[in-house]
Structure formats: C-alpha cells, structure tokens
Amino acid sequence: MIELLLADRCTGCDICVQVCPTNVFDAVAGSRPVIARQSDCQTCFLCELYCPADALYVAPDCDGPVRVDEAAIVASGWLGQYRRDSGWGQTRGDPDHANESWRMDEVFERARAAATE
C-alpha cells in the first residue's frame, strides 16, 4: 500500500496521479500531489514504477497501512528499488526501444505470426 510521498523529492509532475488505476492521488494546483485515498491503493506499484524522482514508497503489505519511518526508508535505498529491479527505464532514450514494452517483443512476434497463419 502507498505509504509515503516525499515532498523534498517530488517534482510535481503528477505522473502518479495519471497512472494510478484506483485514483489514490489528487493533483494539487501549484503543488505536489497528495495521497487522498490510501485505502483504495491496490499495491500495484505503478506509481513507484513511473515516478522519475523516486519520491514514492509503496509497502508490500496490501492489507492495510503500515507504520514506516521516512528517514529509515530514505536511508535504506528502497526508494525506486522496484523500478530498478524491473529494469524499467534502462533503455530510455534508445530509439530501438521507444516504449517500455520492449521486453515483450518475442511475445508480440509470436502473436503476429500466429495471426498470419
């Protein structure tokens, strides 16, 4: 479940607001977004995955909020860990991999081949 939105890291880009499938965040004009409906978080990690500033921390417990120590989370190096572990963004800027679904090329090729048979 989403636990932290770190104000000192957040750029106010509102990407988390846009990608959240359950509308957990609210955009705030002229400021950073806020966690408005924490209980609606389905722990999908999309906000953490897309956050370019590593300003979000999603705890793996999806049953309810957990107490977290912001300083301990920052010191742990966990911010952005999900994105790093998934390889998300590693090819950003590479024209051969213009979108993040590049890892699915083989799957898409098999589907295209099956469709033409």
PDB file of N, CA and C in Angstrom:
ATOM      1  N   MET A   1       0.841  -1.171   0.000  1.00  0.00           N
ATOM      2  CA  MET A   1       0.000   0.000   0.000  1.00  0.00           C
ATOM      3  C   MET A   1       0.894   1.243   0.000  1.00  0.00           C
ATOM      4  N   ILE A   2       0.457   2.285  -0.690  1.00  0.00           N
ATOM      5  CA  ILE A   2       1.231   3.527  -0.735  1.00  0.00           C
ATOM      6  C   ILE A   2       1.354   4.079   0.683  1.00  0.00           C
ATOM      7  N   GLU A   3       2.578   4.375   1.070  1.00  0.00           N
ATOM      8  CA  GLU A   3       2.814   4.875   2.421  1.00  0.00           C
ATOM      9  C   GLU A   3       3.422   6.267   2.439  1.00  0.00           C
ATOM     10  N   LEU A   4       4.273   6.573   1.472  1.00  0.00           N
ATOM     11  CA  LEU A   4       4.967   7.858   1.508  1.00  0.00           C
ATOM     12  C   LEU A   4       4.981   8.538   0.151  1.00  0.00           C
ATOM     13  N   LEU A   5       4.827   9.842   0.183  1.00  0.00           N
ATOM     14  CA  LEU A   5       5.105  10.712  -0.945  1.00  0.00           C
ATOM     15  C   LEU A   5       6.048  11.767  -0.364  1.00  0.00           C
ATOM     16  N   LEU A   6       7.309  11.684  -0.723  1.00  0.00           N
ATOM     17  CA  LEU A   6       8.329  12.543  -0.122  1.00  0.00           C
ATOM     18  C   LEU A   6       8.365  13.906  -0.804  1.00  0.00           C
ATOM     19  N   ALA A   7       7.962  14.916  -0.070  1.00  0.00           N
ATOM     20  CA  ALA A   7       7.843  16.268  -0.610  1.00  0.00           C
ATOM     21  C   ALA A   7       9.164  16.793  -1.144  1.00  0.00           C
ATOM     22  N   ASP A   8      10.273  16.467  -0.487  1.00  0.00           N
ATOM     23  CA  ASP A   8      11.555  17.024  -0.915  1.00  0.00           C
ATOM     24  C   ASP A   8      12.074  16.387  -2.197  1.00  0.00           C
ATOM     25  N   ARG A   9      11.520  15.260  -2.602  1.00  0.00           N
ATOM     26  CA  ARG A   9      11.927  14.611  -3.853  1.00  0.00           C
ATOM     27  C   ARG A   9      10.918  14.842  -4.979  1.00  0.00           C
ATOM     28  N   CYS A  10       9.669  15.040  -4.622  1.00  0.00           N
ATOM     29  CA  CYS A  10       8.595  15.145  -5.609  1.00  0.00           C
ATOM     30  C   CYS A  10       8.787  16.375  -6.493  1.00  0.00           C
ATOM     31  N   THR A  11       8.645  16.178  -7.801  1.00  0.00           N
ATOM     32  CA  THR A  11       8.799  17.278  -8.764  1.00  0.00           C
ATOM     33  C   THR A  11       7.467  17.924  -9.120  1.00  0.00           C
ATOM     34  N   GLY A  12       6.365  17.328  -8.668  1.00  0.00           N
ATOM     35  CA  GLY A  12       5.049  17.864  -9.005  1.00  0.00           C
ATOM     36  C   GLY A  12       4.608  17.527 -10.416  1.00  0.00           C
ATOM     37  N   CYS A  13       5.194  16.485 -11.004  1.00  0.00           N
ATOM     38  CA  CYS A  13       4.873  16.116 -12.389  1.00  0.00           C
ATOM     39  C   CYS A  13       3.484  15.477 -12.525  1.00  0.00           C
ATOM     40  N   ASP A  14       2.920  14.997 -11.437  1.00  0.00           N
ATOM     41  CA  ASP A  14       1.595  14.361 -11.409  1.00  0.00           C
ATOM     42  C   ASP A  14       1.506  13.050 -12.187  1.00  0.00           C
ATOM     43  N   ILE A  15       2.636  12.441 -12.508  1.00  0.00           N
ATOM     44  CA  ILE A  15       2.596  11.153 -13.194  1.00  0.00           C
ATOM     45  C   ILE A  15       1.885  10.117 -12.326  1.00  0.00           C
ATOM     46  N   CYS A  16       2.124  10.152 -11.015  1.00  0.00           N
ATOM     47  CA  CYS A  16       1.469   9.193 -10.121  1.00  0.00           C
ATOM     48  C   CYS A  16      -0.048   9.334 -10.185  1.00  0.00           C
ATOM     49  N   VAL A  17      -0.522  10.564 -10.288  1.00  0.00           N
ATOM     50  CA  VAL A  17      -1.961  10.821 -10.396  1.00  0.00           C
ATOM     51  C   VAL A  17      -2.501  10.183 -11.676  1.00  0.00           C
ATOM     52  N   GLN A  18      -1.752  10.309 -12.751  1.00  0.00           N
ATOM     53  CA  GLN A  18      -2.185   9.819 -14.056  1.00  0.00           C
ATOM     54  C   GLN A  18      -2.163   8.300 -14.168  1.00  0.00           C
ATOM     55  N   VAL A  19      -1.192   7.641 -13.558  1.00  0.00           N
ATOM     56  CA  VAL A  19      -1.035   6.194 -13.767  1.00  0.00           C
ATOM     57  C   VAL A  19      -1.779   5.352 -12.737  1.00  0.00           C
ATOM     58  N   CYS A  20      -2.208   5.931 -11.640  1.00  0.00           N
ATOM     59  CA  CYS A  20      -2.860   5.144 -10.588  1.00  0.00           C
ATOM     60  C   CYS A  20      -4.216   4.631 -11.061  1.00  0.00           C
ATOM     61  N   PRO A  21      -4.395   3.311 -11.121  1.00  0.00           N
ATOM     62  CA  PRO A  21      -5.658   2.763 -11.621  1.00  0.00           C
ATOM     63  C   PRO A  21      -6.826   2.897 -10.648  1.00  0.00           C
ATOM     64  N   THR A  22      -6.543   3.228  -9.387  1.00  0.00           N
ATOM     65  CA  THR A  22      -7.627   3.335  -8.408  1.00  0.00           C
ATOM     66  C   THR A  22      -7.780   4.747  -7.853  1.00  0.00           C
ATOM     67  N   ASN A  23      -7.181   5.738  -8.514  1.00  0.00           N
ATOM     68  CA  ASN A  23      -7.389   7.142  -8.175  1.00  0.00           C
ATOM     69  C   ASN A  23      -7.023   7.462  -6.721  1.00  0.00           C
ATOM     70  N   VAL A  24      -5.876   6.980  -6.282  1.00  0.00           N
ATOM     71  CA  VAL A  24      -5.420   7.186  -4.907  1.00  0.00           C
ATOM     72  C   VAL A  24      -4.940   8.618  -4.680  1.00  0.00           C
ATOM     73  N   PHE A  25      -4.363   9.226  -5.696  1.00  0.00           N
ATOM     74  CA  PHE A  25      -3.756  10.548  -5.565  1.00  0.00           C
ATOM     75  C   PHE A  25      -4.674  11.641  -6.086  1.00  0.00           C
ATOM     76  N   ASP A  26      -4.528  12.829  -5.518  1.00  0.00           N
ATOM     77  CA  ASP A  26      -5.181  14.024  -6.046  1.00  0.00           C
ATOM     78  C   ASP A  26      -4.098  15.004  -6.470  1.00  0.00           C
ATOM     79  N   ALA A  27      -4.264  15.590  -7.643  1.00  0.00           N
ATOM     80  CA  ALA A  27      -3.372  16.661  -8.080  1.00  0.00           C
ATOM     81  C   ALA A  27      -3.745  17.923  -7.307  1.00  0.00           C
ATOM     82  N   VAL A  28      -2.748  18.725  -7.008  1.00  0.00           N
ATOM     83  CA  VAL A  28      -2.965  19.980  -6.303  1.00  0.00           C
ATOM     84  C   VAL A  28      -2.319  21.079  -7.136  1.00  0.00           C
ATOM     85  N   ALA A  29      -3.115  22.016  -7.585  1.00  0.00           N
ATOM     86  CA  ALA A  29      -2.609  23.092  -8.440  1.00  0.00           C
ATOM     87  C   ALA A  29      -1.471  23.836  -7.746  1.00  0.00           C
ATOM     88  N   GLY A  30      -0.336  23.940  -8.445  1.00  0.00           N
ATOM     89  CA  GLY A  30       0.811  24.673  -7.932  1.00  0.00           C
ATOM     90  C   GLY A  30       1.584  23.973  -6.828  1.00  0.00           C
ATOM     91  N   SER A  31       1.280  22.709  -6.592  1.00  0.00           N
ATOM     92  CA  SER A  31       1.970  21.976  -5.531  1.00  0.00           C
ATOM     93  C   SER A  31       2.127  20.513  -5.939  1.00  0.00           C
ATOM     94  N   ARG A  32       2.627  19.725  -5.035  1.00  0.00           N
ATOM     95  CA  ARG A  32       2.790  18.293  -5.295  1.00  0.00           C
ATOM     96  C   ARG A  32       1.464  17.581  -5.058  1.00  0.00           C
ATOM     97  N   PRO A  33       1.271  16.419  -5.650  1.00  0.00           N
ATOM     98  CA  PRO A  33       0.038  15.666  -5.410  1.00  0.00           C
ATOM     99  C   PRO A  33      -0.011  15.186  -3.959  1.00  0.00           C
ATOM    100  N   VAL A  34      -1.189  14.743  -3.550  1.00  0.00           N
ATOM    101  CA  VAL A  34      -1.362  14.203  -2.204  1.00  0.00           C
ATOM    102  C   VAL A  34      -1.955  12.806  -2.290  1.00  0.00           C
ATOM    103  N   ILE A  35      -1.637  12.005  -1.292  1.00  0.00           N
ATOM    104  CA  ILE A  35      -2.268  10.689  -1.153  1.00  0.00           C
ATOM    105  C   ILE A  35      -3.635  10.957  -0.542  1.00  0.00           C
ATOM    106  N   ALA A  36      -4.679  10.876  -1.343  1.00  0.00           N
ATOM    107  CA  ALA A  36      -6.020  11.256  -0.901  1.00  0.00           C
ATOM    108  C   ALA A  36      -6.877  10.071  -0.464  1.00  0.00           C
ATOM    109  N   ARG A  37      -6.644   8.913  -1.054  1.00  0.00           N
ATOM    110  CA  ARG A  37      -7.457   7.735  -0.757  1.00  0.00           C
ATOM    111  C   ARG A  37      -6.557   6.514  -0.588  1.00  0.00           C
ATOM    112  N   GLN A  38      -5.757   6.521   0.461  1.00  0.00           N
ATOM    113  CA  GLN A  38      -4.782   5.466   0.689  1.00  0.00           C
ATOM    114  C   GLN A  38      -5.439   4.086   0.723  1.00  0.00           C
ATOM    115  N   SER A  39      -6.616   3.988   1.300  1.00  0.00           N
ATOM    116  CA  SER A  39      -7.282   2.683   1.421  1.00  0.00           C
ATOM    117  C   SER A  39      -7.686   2.106   0.065  1.00  0.00           C
ATOM    118  N   ASP A  40      -7.704   2.931  -0.983  1.00  0.00           N
ATOM    119  CA  ASP A  40      -8.023   2.443  -2.325  1.00  0.00           C
ATOM    120  C   ASP A  40      -6.814   1.855  -3.047  1.00  0.00           C
ATOM    121  N   CYS A  41      -5.628   2.007  -2.470  1.00  0.00           N
ATOM    122  CA  CYS A  41      -4.407   1.506  -3.101  1.00  0.00           C
ATOM    123  C   CYS A  41      -4.458  -0.015  -3.199  1.00  0.00           C
ATOM    124  N   GLN A  42      -4.185  -0.532  -4.383  1.00  0.00           N
ATOM    125  CA  GLN A  42      -4.182  -1.980  -4.589  1.00  0.00           C
ATOM    126  C   GLN A  42      -2.767  -2.553  -4.629  1.00  0.00           C
ATOM    127  N   THR A  43      -1.782  -1.733  -4.252  1.00  0.00           N
ATOM    128  CA  THR A  43      -0.390  -2.150  -4.168  1.00  0.00           C
ATOM    129  C   THR A  43       0.109  -2.704  -5.503  1.00  0.00           C
ATOM    130  N   CYS A  44      -0.207  -1.991  -6.573  1.00  0.00           N
ATOM    131  CA  CYS A  44       0.234  -2.410  -7.910  1.00  0.00           C
ATOM    132  C   CYS A  44       1.627  -1.889  -8.236  1.00  0.00           C
ATOM    133  N   PHE A  45       2.112  -0.911  -7.474  1.00  0.00           N
ATOM    134  CA  PHE A  45       3.442  -0.317  -7.634  1.00  0.00           C
ATOM    135  C   PHE A  45       3.589   0.527  -8.898  1.00  0.00           C
ATOM    136  N   LEU A  46       2.510   0.789  -9.640  1.00  0.00           N
ATOM    137  CA  LEU A  46       2.645   1.601 -10.856  1.00  0.00           C
ATOM    138  C   LEU A  46       3.150   3.002 -10.550  1.00  0.00           C
ATOM    139  N   CYS A  47       2.664   3.600  -9.481  1.00  0.00           N
ATOM    140  CA  CYS A  47       3.121   4.951  -9.144  1.00  0.00           C
ATOM    141  C   CYS A  47       4.620   4.957  -8.873  1.00  0.00           C
ATOM    142  N   GLU A  48       5.076   3.964  -8.124  1.00  0.00           N
ATOM    143  CA  GLU A  48       6.506   3.869  -7.812  1.00  0.00           C
ATOM    144  C   GLU A  48       7.323   3.574  -9.074  1.00  0.00           C
ATOM    145  N   LEU A  49       6.789   2.748  -9.932  1.00  0.00           N
ATOM    146  CA  LEU A  49       7.468   2.387 -11.171  1.00  0.00           C
ATOM    147  C   LEU A  49       7.660   3.600 -12.078  1.00  0.00           C
ATOM    148  N   TYR A  50       6.624   4.412 -12.210  1.00  0.00           N
ATOM    149  CA  TYR A  50       6.668   5.556 -13.116  1.00  0.00           C
ATOM    150  C   TYR A  50       7.323   6.803 -12.519  1.00  0.00           C
ATOM    151  N   CYS A  51       7.447   6.900 -11.208  1.00  0.00           N
ATOM    152  CA  CYS A  51       7.960   8.125 -10.582  1.00  0.00           C
ATOM    153  C   CYS A  51       9.413   8.387 -10.998  1.00  0.00           C
ATOM    154  N   PRO A  52       9.661   9.477 -11.722  1.00  0.00           N
ATOM    155  CA  PRO A  52      11.024   9.756 -12.184  1.00  0.00           C
ATOM    156  C   PRO A  52      11.941  10.265 -11.076  1.00  0.00           C
ATOM    157  N   ALA A  53      11.375  10.618  -9.921  1.00  0.00           N
ATOM    158  CA  ALA A  53      12.169  11.208  -8.848  1.00  0.00           C
ATOM    159  C   ALA A  53      12.320  10.285  -7.641  1.00  0.00           C
ATOM    160  N   ASP A  54      11.820   9.063  -7.739  1.00  0.00           N
ATOM    161  CA  ASP A  54      11.851   8.140  -6.599  1.00  0.00           C
ATOM    162  C   ASP A  54      11.292   8.802  -5.346  1.00  0.00           C
ATOM    163  N   ALA A  55      10.145   9.452  -5.501  1.00  0.00           N
ATOM    164  CA  ALA A  55       9.527  10.193  -4.397  1.00  0.00           C
ATOM    165  C   ALA A  55       8.433   9.404  -3.691  1.00  0.00           C
ATOM    166  N   LEU A  56       8.209   8.163  -4.119  1.00  0.00           N
ATOM    167  CA  LEU A  56       7.115   7.375  -3.549  1.00  0.00           C
ATOM    168  C   LEU A  56       7.642   6.091  -2.934  1.00  0.00           C
ATOM    169  N   TYR A  57       6.970   5.674  -1.866  1.00  0.00           N
ATOM    170  CA  TYR A  57       7.281   4.375  -1.277  1.00  0.00           C
ATOM    171  C   TYR A  57       5.984   3.605  -1.112  1.00  0.00           C
ATOM    172  N   VAL A  58       5.927   2.449  -1.754  1.00  0.00           N
ATOM    173  CA  VAL A  58       4.792   1.539  -1.630  1.00  0.00           C
ATOM    174  C   VAL A  58       5.266   0.350  -0.803  1.00  0.00           C
ATOM    175  N   ALA A  59       4.620   0.146   0.328  1.00  0.00           N
ATOM    176  CA  ALA A  59       4.961  -1.003   1.170  1.00  0.00           C
ATOM    177  C   ALA A  59       4.302  -2.240   0.566  1.00  0.00           C
ATOM    178  N   PRO A  60       4.938  -3.387   0.662  1.00  0.00           N
ATOM    179  CA  PRO A  60       4.393  -4.588   0.035  1.00  0.00           C
ATOM    180  C   PRO A  60       3.134  -5.137   0.706  1.00  0.00           C
ATOM    181  N   ASP A  61       2.784  -4.652   1.884  1.00  0.00           N
ATOM    182  CA  ASP A  61       1.586  -5.124   2.572  1.00  0.00           C
ATOM    183  C   ASP A  61       0.360  -4.462   1.958  1.00  0.00           C
ATOM    184  N   CYS A  62      -0.488  -5.243   1.319  1.00  0.00           N
ATOM    185  CA  CYS A  62      -1.669  -4.671   0.652  1.00  0.00           C
ATOM    186  C   CYS A  62      -2.923  -4.740   1.516  1.00  0.00           C
ATOM    187  N   ASP A  63      -2.815  -5.294   2.719  1.00  0.00           N
ATOM    188  CA  ASP A  63      -3.994  -5.433   3.578  1.00  0.00           C
ATOM    189  C   ASP A  63      -4.354  -4.156   4.320  1.00  0.00           C
ATOM    190  N   GLY A  64      -3.435  -3.259   4.458  1.00  0.00           N
ATOM    191  CA  GLY A  64      -3.703  -2.017   5.163  1.00  0.00           C
ATOM    192  C   GLY A  64      -2.445  -1.218   5.344  1.00  0.00           C
ATOM    193  N   PRO A  65      -2.584   0.007   5.819  1.00  0.00           N
ATOM    194  CA  PRO A  65      -1.406   0.850   6.019  1.00  0.00           C
ATOM    195  C   PRO A  65      -0.488   0.266   7.092  1.00  0.00           C
ATOM    196  N   VAL A  66       0.781   0.530   6.937  1.00  0.00           N
ATOM    197  CA  VAL A  66       1.769   0.126   7.935  1.00  0.00           C
ATOM    198  C   VAL A  66       2.556   1.364   8.338  1.00  0.00           C
ATOM    199  N   ARG A  67       3.017   1.374   9.549  1.00  0.00           N
ATOM    200  CA  ARG A  67       3.836   2.492  10.002  1.00  0.00           C
ATOM    201  C   ARG A  67       5.208   2.387   9.385  1.00  0.00           C
ATOM    202  N   VAL A  68       5.654   3.457   8.777  1.00  0.00           N
ATOM    203  CA  VAL A  68       7.003   3.488   8.218  1.00  0.00           C
ATOM    204  C   VAL A  68       7.704   4.739   8.716  1.00  0.00           C
ATOM    205  N   ASP A  69       8.982   4.620   8.857  1.00  0.00           N
ATOM    206  CA  ASP A  69       9.829   5.731   9.264  1.00  0.00           C
ATOM    207  C   ASP A  69      10.451   6.306   7.994  1.00  0.00           C
ATOM    208  N   GLU A  70      10.058   7.513   7.646  1.00  0.00           N
ATOM    209  CA  GLU A  70      10.529   8.119   6.393  1.00  0.00           C
ATOM    210  C   GLU A  70      12.046   8.159   6.314  1.00  0.00           C
ATOM    211  N   ALA A  71      12.705   8.563   7.382  1.00  0.00           N
ATOM    212  CA  ALA A  71      14.175   8.650   7.373  1.00  0.00           C
ATOM    213  C   ALA A  71      14.792   7.269   7.152  1.00  0.00           C
ATOM    214  N   ALA A  72      14.207   6.247   7.757  1.00  0.00           N
ATOM    215  CA  ALA A  72      14.732   4.885   7.594  1.00  0.00           C
ATOM    216  C   ALA A  72      14.540   4.397   6.158  1.00  0.00           C
ATOM    217  N   ILE A  73      13.409   4.722   5.565  1.00  0.00           N
ATOM    218  CA  ILE A  73      13.147   4.321   4.175  1.00  0.00           C
ATOM    219  C   ILE A  73      14.137   5.007   3.241  1.00  0.00           C
ATOM    220  N   VAL A  74      14.360   6.293   3.431  1.00  0.00           N
ATOM    221  CA  VAL A  74      15.316   7.034   2.597  1.00  0.00           C
ATOM    222  C   VAL A  74      16.713   6.439   2.755  1.00  0.00           C
ATOM    223  N   ALA A  75      17.111   6.174   3.983  1.00  0.00           N
ATOM    224  CA  ALA A  75      18.444   5.631   4.244  1.00  0.00           C
ATOM    225  C   ALA A  75      18.617   4.209   3.718  1.00  0.00           C
ATOM    226  N   SER A  76      17.521   3.466   3.609  1.00  0.00           N
ATOM    227  CA  SER A  76      17.594   2.055   3.201  1.00  0.00           C
ATOM    228  C   SER A  76      17.937   1.866   1.733  1.00  0.00           C
ATOM    229  N   GLY A  77      17.686   2.891   0.916  1.00  0.00           N
ATOM    230  CA  GLY A  77      17.901   2.756  -0.522  1.00  0.00           C
ATOM    231  C   GLY A  77      16.733   2.098  -1.234  1.00  0.00           C
ATOM    232  N   TRP A  78      15.626   1.901  -0.546  1.00  0.00           N
ATOM    233  CA  TRP A  78      14.472   1.234  -1.155  1.00  0.00           C
ATOM    234  C   TRP A  78      13.711   2.118  -2.131  1.00  0.00           C
ATOM    235  N   LEU A  79      13.856   3.424  -2.027  1.00  0.00           N
ATOM    236  CA  LEU A  79      13.131   4.300  -2.945  1.00  0.00           C
ATOM    237  C   LEU A  79      13.596   4.024  -4.372  1.00  0.00           C
ATOM    238  N   GLY A  80      12.682   3.674  -5.235  1.00  0.00           N
ATOM    239  CA  GLY A  80      12.993   3.359  -6.627  1.00  0.00           C
ATOM    240  C   GLY A  80      13.476   1.940  -6.849  1.00  0.00           C
ATOM    241  N   GLN A  81      13.505   1.132  -5.807  1.00  0.00           N
ATOM    242  CA  GLN A  81      14.023  -0.234  -5.938  1.00  0.00           C
ATOM    243  C   GLN A  81      13.190  -1.086  -6.884  1.00  0.00           C
ATOM    244  N   TYR A  82      11.876  -0.942  -6.825  1.00  0.00           N
ATOM    245  CA  TYR A  82      11.010  -1.732  -7.703  1.00  0.00           C
ATOM    246  C   TYR A  82      11.320  -1.433  -9.172  1.00  0.00           C
ATOM    247  N   ARG A  83      11.489  -0.144  -9.475  1.00  0.00           N
ATOM    248  CA  ARG A  83      11.816   0.257 -10.855  1.00  0.00           C
ATOM    249  C   ARG A  83      13.167  -0.315 -11.272  1.00  0.00           C
ATOM    250  N   ARG A  84      14.149  -0.225 -10.407  1.00  0.00           N
ATOM    251  CA  ARG A  84      15.471  -0.755 -10.733  1.00  0.00           C
ATOM    252  C   ARG A  84      15.436  -2.274 -10.921  1.00  0.00           C
ATOM    253  N   ASP A  85      14.747  -2.971 -10.039  1.00  0.00           N
ATOM    254  CA  ASP A  85      14.664  -4.430 -10.140  1.00  0.00           C
ATOM    255  C   ASP A  85      13.940  -4.888 -11.401  1.00  0.00           C
ATOM    256  N   SER A  86      12.969  -4.098 -11.846  1.00  0.00           N
ATOM    257  CA  SER A  86      12.193  -4.478 -13.029  1.00  0.00           C
ATOM    258  C   SER A  86      12.909  -4.141 -14.335  1.00  0.00           C
ATOM    259  N   GLY A  87      13.915  -3.283 -14.259  1.00  0.00           N
ATOM    260  CA  GLY A  87      14.600  -2.845 -15.476  1.00  0.00           C
ATOM    261  C   GLY A  87      13.895  -1.700 -16.167  1.00  0.00           C
ATOM    262  N   TRP A  88      12.851  -1.181 -15.555  1.00  0.00           N
ATOM    263  CA  TRP A  88      12.060  -0.094 -16.139  1.00  0.00           C
ATOM    264  C   TRP A  88      12.926   1.133 -16.361  1.00  0.00           C
ATOM    265  N   GLY A  89      12.904   1.666 -17.549  1.00  0.00           N
ATOM    266  CA  GLY A  89      13.623   2.889 -17.863  1.00  0.00           C
ATOM    267  C   GLY A  89      15.078   2.699 -18.245  1.00  0.00           C
ATOM    268  N   GLN A  90      15.587   1.479 -18.215  1.00  0.00           N
ATOM    269  CA  GLN A  90      17.002   1.265 -18.525  1.00  0.00           C
ATOM    270  C   GLN A  90      17.344   1.604 -19.969  1.00  0.00           C
ATOM    271  N   THR A  91      16.375   1.542 -20.841  1.00  0.00           N
ATOM    272  CA  THR A  91      16.648   1.841 -22.249  1.00  0.00           C
ATOM    273  C   THR A  91      16.077   3.189 -22.674  1.00  0.00           C
ATOM    274  N   ARG A  92      15.690   4.014 -21.705  1.00  0.00           N
ATOM    275  CA  ARG A  92      15.122   5.317 -22.028  1.00  0.00           C
ATOM    276  C   ARG A  92      16.092   6.100 -22.899  1.00  0.00           C
ATOM    277  N   GLY A  93      15.602   6.631 -23.982  1.00  0.00           N
ATOM    278  CA  GLY A  93      16.442   7.369 -24.911  1.00  0.00           C
ATOM    279  C   GLY A  93      17.002   6.527 -26.036  1.00  0.00           C
ATOM    280  N   ASP A  94      16.847   5.208 -25.951  1.00  0.00           N
ATOM    281  CA  ASP A  94      17.329   4.310 -27.001  1.00  0.00           C
ATOM    282  C   ASP A  94      16.243   4.188 -28.066  1.00  0.00           C
ATOM    283  N   PRO A  95      16.476   4.666 -29.285  1.00  0.00           N
ATOM    284  CA  PRO A  95      15.430   4.641 -30.315  1.00  0.00           C
ATOM    285  C   PRO A  95      14.986   3.224 -30.703  1.00  0.00           C
ATOM    286  N   ASP A  96      15.810   2.224 -30.425  1.00  0.00           N
ATOM    287  CA  ASP A  96      15.406   0.852 -30.723  1.00  0.00           C
ATOM    288  C   ASP A  96      14.373   0.328 -29.735  1.00  0.00           C
ATOM    289  N   HIS A  97      14.230   1.017 -28.622  1.00  0.00           N
ATOM    290  CA  HIS A  97      13.285   0.607 -27.584  1.00  0.00           C
ATOM    291  C   HIS A  97      12.479   1.827 -27.164  1.00  0.00           C
ATOM    292  N   ALA A  98      11.617   2.289 -28.046  1.00  0.00           N
ATOM    293  CA  ALA A  98      10.902   3.537 -27.839  1.00  0.00           C
ATOM    294  C   ALA A  98       9.855   3.470 -26.738  1.00  0.00           C
ATOM    295  N   ASN A  99       9.442   2.282 -26.341  1.00  0.00           N
ATOM    296  CA  ASN A  99       8.491   2.194 -25.245  1.00  0.00           C
ATOM    297  C   ASN A  99       8.923   1.111 -24.271  1.00  0.00           C
ATOM    298  N   GLU A 100       8.279   1.062 -23.134  1.00  0.00           N
ATOM    299  CA  GLU A 100       8.689   0.153 -22.078  1.00  0.00           C
ATOM    300  C   GLU A 100       8.229  -1.288 -22.296  1.00  0.00           C
ATOM    301  N   SER A 101       7.510  -1.564 -23.363  1.00  0.00           N
ATOM    302  CA  SER A 101       7.064  -2.939 -23.614  1.00  0.00           C
ATOM    303  C   SER A 101       8.070  -3.704 -24.466  1.00  0.00           C
ATOM    304  N   TRP A 102       9.269  -3.163 -24.608  1.00  0.00           N
ATOM    305  CA  TRP A 102      10.287  -3.808 -25.462  1.00  0.00           C
ATOM    306  C   TRP A 102      10.596  -5.221 -25.013  1.00  0.00           C
ATOM    307  N   ARG A 103      10.444  -5.522 -23.744  1.00  0.00           N
ATOM    308  CA  ARG A 103      10.723  -6.871 -23.268  1.00  0.00           C
ATOM    309  C   ARG A 103       9.712  -7.881 -23.804  1.00  0.00           C
ATOM    310  N   MET A 104       8.633  -7.403 -24.352  1.00  0.00           N
ATOM    311  CA  MET A 104       7.574  -8.268 -24.850  1.00  0.00           C
ATOM    312  C   MET A 104       7.695  -8.554 -26.338  1.00  0.00           C
ATOM    313  N   ASP A 105       8.768  -8.095 -26.975  1.00  0.00           N
ATOM    314  CA  ASP A 105       8.922  -8.264 -28.418  1.00  0.00           C
ATOM    315  C   ASP A 105       8.703  -9.704 -28.871  1.00  0.00           C
ATOM    316  N   GLU A 106       9.293 -10.641 -28.181  1.00  0.00           N
ATOM    317  CA  GLU A 106       9.162 -12.044 -28.580  1.00  0.00           C
ATOM    318  C   GLU A 106       7.708 -12.503 -28.514  1.00  0.00           C
ATOM    319  N   VAL A 107       7.005 -12.088 -27.485  1.00  0.00           N
ATOM    320  CA  VAL A 107       5.592 -12.452 -27.338  1.00  0.00           C
ATOM    321  C   VAL A 107       4.785 -11.849 -28.486  1.00  0.00           C
ATOM    322  N   PHE A 108       5.038 -10.569 -28.795  1.00  0.00           N
ATOM    323  CA  PHE A 108       4.315  -9.909 -29.879  1.00  0.00           C
ATOM    324  C   PHE A 108       4.597 -10.578 -31.225  1.00  0.00           C
ATOM    325  N   GLU A 109       5.845 -10.936 -31.457  1.00  0.00           N
ATOM    326  CA  GLU A 109       6.211 -11.594 -32.715  1.00  0.00           C
ATOM    327  C   GLU A 109       5.479 -12.927 -32.877  1.00  0.00           C
ATOM    328  N   ARG A 110       5.399 -13.712 -31.810  1.00  0.00           N
ATOM    329  CA  ARG A 110       4.674 -14.993 -31.878  1.00  0.00           C
ATOM    330  C   ARG A 110       3.201 -14.748 -32.159  1.00  0.00           C
ATOM    331  N   ALA A 111       2.626 -13.716 -31.550  1.00  0.00           N
ATOM    332  CA  ALA A 111       1.211 -13.409 -31.768  1.00  0.00           C
ATOM    333  C   ALA A 111       0.982 -12.960 -33.210  1.00  0.00           C
ATOM    334  N   ARG A 112       1.876 -12.143 -33.737  1.00  0.00           N
ATOM    335  CA  ARG A 112       1.749 -11.704 -35.138  1.00  0.00           C
ATOM    336  C   ARG A 112       1.859 -12.893 -36.099  1.00  0.00           C
ATOM    337  N   ALA A 113       2.810 -13.771 -35.834  1.00  0.00           N
ATOM    338  CA  ALA A 113       2.999 -14.945 -36.688  1.00  0.00           C
ATOM    339  C   ALA A 113       1.769 -15.850 -36.647  1.00  0.00           C
ATOM    340  N   ALA A 114       1.205 -16.036 -35.460  1.00  0.00           N
ATOM    341  CA  ALA A 114       0.012 -16.882 -35.326  1.00  0.00           C
ATOM    342  C   ALA A 114      -1.180 -16.258 -36.046  1.00  0.00           C
ATOM    343  N   ALA A 115      -1.271 -14.950 -36.041  1.00  0.00           N
ATOM    344  CA  ALA A 115      -2.391 -14.260 -36.669  1.00  0.00           C
ATOM    345  C   ALA A 115      -2.325 -14.346 -38.191  1.00  0.00           C
ATOM    346  N   THR A 116      -1.133 -14.484 -38.741  1.00  0.00           N
ATOM    347  CA  THR A 116      -0.989 -14.535 -40.204  1.00  0.00           C
ATOM    348  C   THR A 116      -1.023 -15.953 -40.755  1.00  0.00           C
ATOM    349  N   GLU A 117      -1.040 -16.938 -39.877  1.00  0.00           N
ATOM    350  CA  GLU A 117      -1.060 -18.335 -40.337  1.00  0.00           C
ATOM    351  C   GLU A 117      -2.449 -18.762 -40.751  1.00  0.00           C
TER     352      GLU A 117
END
